[in-house]
PDB file of N, CA and C in Angstrom:
ATOM      1  N   MET A   1     -41.456  32.310  63.686  1.00  0.00           N
ATOM      2  CA  MET A   1     -42.463  32.936  62.699  1.00  0.00           C
ATOM      3  C   MET A   1     -43.385  32.371  64.456  1.00  0.00           C
ATOM      4  N   GLN A   2     -43.655  33.860  65.210  1.00  0.00           N
ATOM      5  CA  GLN A   2     -44.492  33.993  66.022  1.00  0.00           C
ATOM      6  C   GLN A   2     -46.068  33.876  66.351  1.00  0.00           C
ATOM      7  N   ILE A   3     -47.168  33.044  66.868  1.00  0.00           N
ATOM      8  CA  ILE A   3     -48.737  33.161  66.622  1.00  0.00           C
ATOM      9  C   ILE A   3     -48.997  33.816  67.850  1.00  0.00           C
ATOM     10  N   THR A   4     -50.185  34.833  67.997  1.00  0.00           N
ATOM     11  CA  THR A   4     -50.106  35.073  69.153  1.00  0.00           C
ATOM     12  C   THR A   4     -51.687  34.512  69.032  1.00  0.00           C
ATOM     13  N   ARG A   5     -52.770  35.322  69.881  1.00  0.00           N
ATOM     14  CA  ARG A   5     -54.265  35.200  69.292  1.00  0.00           C
ATOM     15  C   ARG A   5     -54.980  36.242  70.456  1.00  0.00           C
ATOM     16  N   ARG A   6     -55.890  36.434  70.458  1.00  0.00           N
ATOM     17  CA  ARG A   6     -56.876  37.549  70.510  1.00  0.00           C
ATOM     18  C   ARG A   6     -58.785  36.775  70.554  1.00  0.00           C
ATOM     19  N   ILE A   7     -58.909  37.188  71.772  1.00  0.00           N
ATOM     20  CA  ILE A   7     -60.852  37.533  71.101  1.00  0.00           C
ATOM     21  C   ILE A   7     -60.974  38.590  69.620  1.00  0.00           C
ATOM     22  N   ALA A   8     -62.301  37.656  68.888  1.00  0.00           N
ATOM     23  CA  ALA A   8     -62.852  38.538  68.061  1.00  0.00           C
ATOM     24  C   ALA A   8     -63.200  39.513  68.518  1.00  0.00           C
ATOM     25  N   THR A   9     -63.693  40.585  67.117  1.00  0.00           N
ATOM     26  CA  THR A   9     -64.104  41.786  68.059  1.00  0.00           C
ATOM     27  C   THR A   9     -65.310  42.020  66.835  1.00  0.00           C
ATOM     28  N   PRO A  10     -67.081  42.824  66.487  1.00  0.00           N
ATOM     29  CA  PRO A  10     -67.457  42.988  65.847  1.00  0.00           C
ATOM     30  C   PRO A  10     -66.619  43.434  64.329  1.00  0.00           C
ATOM     31  N   SER A  11     -65.902  43.936  64.087  1.00  0.00           N
ATOM     32  CA  SER A  11     -65.544  44.454  63.550  1.00  0.00           C
ATOM     33  C   SER A  11     -64.192  43.199  62.420  1.00  0.00           C
ATOM     34  N   ASP A  12     -63.900  42.218  63.031  1.00  0.00           N
ATOM     35  CA  ASP A  12     -63.895  41.099  62.521  1.00  0.00           C
ATOM     36  C   ASP A  12     -64.626  40.216  61.871  1.00  0.00           C
ATOM     37  N   ALA A  13     -65.652  40.807  61.349  1.00  0.00           N
ATOM     38  CA  ALA A  13     -66.746  39.754  61.030  1.00  0.00           C
ATOM     39  C   ALA A  13     -66.542  39.720  59.650  1.00  0.00           C
ATOM     40  N   PRO A  14     -66.258  40.571  58.923  1.00  0.00           N
ATOM     41  CA  PRO A  14     -66.619  40.947  57.530  1.00  0.00           C
ATOM     42  C   PRO A  14     -65.259  40.048  56.818  1.00  0.00           C
ATOM     43  N   PRO A  15     -63.913  40.680  57.724  1.00  0.00           N
ATOM     44  CA  PRO A  15     -62.759  38.910  56.892  1.00  0.00           C
ATOM     45  C   PRO A  15     -62.873  38.245  57.136  1.00  0.00           C
ATOM     46  N   LEU A  16     -63.544  37.438  58.302  1.00  0.00           N
ATOM     47  CA  LEU A  16     -63.969  36.298  58.587  1.00  0.00           C
ATOM     48  C   LEU A  16     -64.452  35.543  57.679  1.00  0.00           C
ATOM     49  N   ALA A  17     -65.599  35.844  57.633  1.00  0.00           N
ATOM     50  CA  ALA A  17     -66.500  35.336  56.620  1.00  0.00           C
ATOM     51  C   ALA A  17     -66.248  35.399  55.210  1.00  0.00           C
ATOM     52  N   GLU A  18     -64.640  36.507  54.396  1.00  0.00           N
ATOM     53  CA  GLU A  18     -64.653  36.711  53.295  1.00  0.00           C
ATOM     54  C   GLU A  18     -63.195  34.959  53.303  1.00  0.00           C
ATOM     55  N   LEU A  19     -62.491  35.002  54.453  1.00  0.00           N
ATOM     56  CA  LEU A  19     -61.214  34.144  54.214  1.00  0.00           C
ATOM     57  C   LEU A  19     -62.488  32.883  54.802  1.00  0.00           C
ATOM     58  N   ARG A  20     -63.502  32.101  55.528  1.00  0.00           N
ATOM     59  CA  ARG A  20     -63.897  31.246  55.413  1.00  0.00           C
ATOM     60  C   ARG A  20     -64.848  30.649  53.956  1.00  0.00           C
ATOM     61  N   ALA A  21     -65.274  31.926  53.158  1.00  0.00           N
ATOM     62  CA  ALA A  21     -66.260  31.968  52.037  1.00  0.00           C
ATOM     63  C   ALA A  21     -65.253  31.018  51.312  1.00  0.00           C
ATOM     64  N   GLU A  22     -64.336  32.075  51.070  1.00  0.00           N
ATOM     65  CA  GLU A  22     -62.400  31.479  50.050  1.00  0.00           C
ATOM     66  C   GLU A  22     -62.116  30.164  50.558  1.00  0.00           C
ATOM     67  N   ALA A  23     -61.888  29.536  52.195  1.00  0.00           N
ATOM     68  CA  ALA A  23     -61.569  28.332  52.329  1.00  0.00           C
ATOM     69  C   ALA A  23     -62.611  27.442  52.323  1.00  0.00           C
ATOM     70  N   MET A  24     -63.627  27.855  51.902  1.00  0.00           N
ATOM     71  CA  MET A  24     -64.886  26.412  51.771  1.00  0.00           C
ATOM     72  C   MET A  24     -65.424  26.808  49.857  1.00  0.00           C
ATOM     73  N   ARG A  25     -64.493  27.086  49.578  1.00  0.00           N
ATOM     74  CA  ARG A  25     -64.554  27.314  47.876  1.00  0.00           C
ATOM     75  C   ARG A  25     -64.677  26.223  47.111  1.00  0.00           C
ATOM     76  N   PRO A  26     -64.095  25.547  47.655  1.00  0.00           N
ATOM     77  CA  PRO A  26     -63.440  24.577  46.397  1.00  0.00           C
ATOM     78  C   PRO A  26     -64.389  23.231  47.075  1.00  0.00           C
ATOM     79  N   SER A  27     -64.632  23.152  48.073  1.00  0.00           N
ATOM     80  CA  SER A  27     -65.741  21.691  48.370  1.00  0.00           C
ATOM     81  C   SER A  27     -66.407  22.416  48.059  1.00  0.00           C
ATOM     82  N   LEU A  28     -67.486  23.381  48.460  1.00  0.00           N
ATOM     83  CA  LEU A  28     -68.362  23.761  47.948  1.00  0.00           C
ATOM     84  C   LEU A  28     -68.971  23.485  46.086  1.00  0.00           C
ATOM     85  N   GLU A  29     -68.043  23.997  46.133  1.00  0.00           N
ATOM     86  CA  GLU A  29     -68.084  24.018  44.305  1.00  0.00           C
ATOM     87  C   GLU A  29     -68.370  22.396  43.685  1.00  0.00           C
ATOM     88  N   ALA A  30     -66.992  21.622  44.369  1.00  0.00           N
ATOM     89  CA  ALA A  30     -67.558  20.438  43.666  1.00  0.00           C
ATOM     90  C   ALA A  30     -68.459  19.822  44.090  1.00  0.00           C
ATOM     91  N   LEU A  31     -69.507  20.016  45.212  1.00  0.00           N
ATOM     92  CA  LEU A  31     -71.444  19.711  45.421  1.00  0.00           C
ATOM     93  C   LEU A  31     -71.862  20.547  44.517  1.00  0.00           C
ATOM     94  N   GLY A  32     -71.229  21.368  43.890  1.00  0.00           N
ATOM     95  CA  GLY A  32     -72.660  22.392  42.916  1.00  0.00           C
ATOM     96  C   GLY A  32     -73.305  23.181  43.867  1.00  0.00           C
ATOM     97  N   ARG A  33     -72.860  23.839  45.135  1.00  0.00           N
ATOM     98  CA  ARG A  33     -73.439  24.643  46.271  1.00  0.00           C
ATOM     99  C   ARG A  33     -73.148  25.739  46.481  1.00  0.00           C
ATOM    100  N   TYR A  34     -71.978  26.245  45.738  1.00  0.00           N
ATOM    101  CA  TYR A  34     -71.400  27.385  45.929  1.00  0.00           C
ATOM    102  C   TYR A  34     -72.088  28.744  45.743  1.00  0.00           C
ATOM    103  N   ASP A  35     -72.711  29.861  46.207  1.00  0.00           N
ATOM    104  CA  ASP A  35     -73.222  30.834  46.659  1.00  0.00           C
ATOM    105  C   ASP A  35     -72.359  31.791  47.505  1.00  0.00           C
ATOM    106  N   PRO A  36     -71.621  32.800  46.967  1.00  0.00           N
ATOM    107  CA  PRO A  36     -70.657  33.922  47.230  1.00  0.00           C
ATOM    108  C   PRO A  36     -71.426  34.249  48.477  1.00  0.00           C
ATOM    109  N   LEU A  37     -72.866  34.615  48.089  1.00  0.00           N
ATOM    110  CA  LEU A  37     -73.506  35.459  49.213  1.00  0.00           C
ATOM    111  C   LEU A  37     -74.230  34.537  50.555  1.00  0.00           C
ATOM    112  N   ARG A  38     -74.379  33.155  49.703  1.00  0.00           N
ATOM    113  CA  ARG A  38     -74.826  32.766  50.964  1.00  0.00           C
ATOM    114  C   ARG A  38     -73.895  32.108  51.762  1.00  0.00           C
ATOM    115  N   VAL A  39     -73.216  31.340  51.403  1.00  0.00           N
ATOM    116  CA  VAL A  39     -71.729  31.000  52.070  1.00  0.00           C
ATOM    117  C   VAL A  39     -71.165  32.294  53.569  1.00  0.00           C
ATOM    118  N   ARG A  40     -70.844  33.273  52.608  1.00  0.00           N
ATOM    119  CA  ARG A  40     -70.964  34.676  53.901  1.00  0.00           C
ATOM    120  C   ARG A  40     -72.000  35.121  54.877  1.00  0.00           C
ATOM    121  N   ARG A  41     -73.713  34.963  54.300  1.00  0.00           N
ATOM    122  CA  ARG A  41     -74.185  35.465  55.312  1.00  0.00           C
ATOM    123  C   ARG A  41     -74.309  34.075  56.110  1.00  0.00           C
ATOM    124  N   ARG A  42     -74.417  33.273  56.138  1.00  0.00           N
ATOM    125  CA  ARG A  42     -74.295  31.871  57.047  1.00  0.00           C
ATOM    126  C   ARG A  42     -72.990  32.349  57.908  1.00  0.00           C
ATOM    127  N   PHE A  43     -72.414  32.508  57.701  1.00  0.00           N
ATOM    128  CA  PHE A  43     -71.042  32.631  58.827  1.00  0.00           C
ATOM    129  C   PHE A  43     -71.614  33.902  59.531  1.00  0.00           C
ATOM    130  N   LEU A  44     -72.351  35.335  58.683  1.00  0.00           N
ATOM    131  CA  LEU A  44     -72.460  36.771  59.961  1.00  0.00           C
ATOM    132  C   LEU A  44     -73.057  36.016  60.969  1.00  0.00           C
ATOM    133  N   ASP A  45     -74.539  35.558  59.844  1.00  0.00           N
ATOM    134  CA  ASP A  45     -75.351  35.400  61.165  1.00  0.00           C
ATOM    135  C   ASP A  45     -75.464  34.661  62.248  1.00  0.00           C
ATOM    136  N   SER A  46     -74.245  33.654  62.362  1.00  0.00           N
ATOM    137  CA  SER A  46     -73.572  33.236  63.715  1.00  0.00           C
ATOM    138  C   SER A  46     -72.572  33.545  64.145  1.00  0.00           C
ATOM    139  N   PHE A  47     -72.103  34.286  63.748  1.00  0.00           N
ATOM    140  CA  PHE A  47     -71.243  34.756  64.369  1.00  0.00           C
ATOM    141  C   PHE A  47     -70.586  35.568  66.004  1.00  0.00           C
ATOM    142  N   ASP A  48     -70.054  35.046  66.136  1.00  0.00           N
ATOM    143  CA  ASP A  48     -70.423  35.536  67.972  1.00  0.00           C
ATOM    144  C   ASP A  48     -68.865  35.929  67.929  1.00  0.00           C
ATOM    145  N   PRO A  49     -68.491  37.024  68.432  1.00  0.00           N
ATOM    146  CA  PRO A  49     -67.319  37.753  68.573  1.00  0.00           C
ATOM    147  C   PRO A  49     -66.526  36.833  69.928  1.00  0.00           C
ATOM    148  N   ALA A  50     -67.467  36.641  71.046  1.00  0.00           N
ATOM    149  CA  ALA A  50     -66.854  36.136  72.170  1.00  0.00           C
ATOM    150  C   ALA A  50     -66.163  34.749  72.400  1.00  0.00           C
ATOM    151  N   GLU A  51     -67.071  33.900  70.759  1.00  0.00           N
ATOM    152  CA  GLU A  51     -66.645  32.349  71.106  1.00  0.00           C
ATOM    153  C   GLU A  51     -65.777  32.070  69.873  1.00  0.00           C
ATOM    154  N   THR A  52     -65.149  33.405  69.615  1.00  0.00           N
ATOM    155  CA  THR A  52     -64.432  33.323  68.262  1.00  0.00           C
ATOM    156  C   THR A  52     -62.749  33.708  68.908  1.00  0.00           C
ATOM    157  N   VAL A  53     -61.555  33.064  68.471  1.00  0.00           N
ATOM    158  CA  VAL A  53     -60.521  33.547  68.523  1.00  0.00           C
ATOM    159  C   VAL A  53     -59.593  34.095  67.395  1.00  0.00           C
ATOM    160  N   VAL A  54     -59.039  34.819  66.668  1.00  0.00           N
ATOM    161  CA  VAL A  54     -58.193  34.883  65.752  1.00  0.00           C
ATOM    162  C   VAL A  54     -56.948  34.862  66.128  1.00  0.00           C
ATOM    163  N   LEU A  55     -56.329  34.516  65.691  1.00  0.00           N
ATOM    164  CA  LEU A  55     -54.826  34.135  65.031  1.00  0.00           C
ATOM    165  C   LEU A  55     -54.369  35.163  64.270  1.00  0.00           C
ATOM    166  N   LEU A  56     -53.223  35.379  64.899  1.00  0.00           N
ATOM    167  CA  LEU A  56     -52.190  36.280  64.229  1.00  0.00           C
ATOM    168  C   LEU A  56     -50.771  36.012  63.973  1.00  0.00           C
TER     169      LEU A  56
END
């Protein structure tokens, strides 16, 4: 398998927010703190495409 990387673009924000929310879900549920809207909003509020690398 070959992995490539690229700098994120603004259009990457929604799918990355979804990926992060699903990855964090078990941990946040265990703490009783999973709020699907909040976890996505926190990511989107701090998302900076220039500081994000997407692995393909």
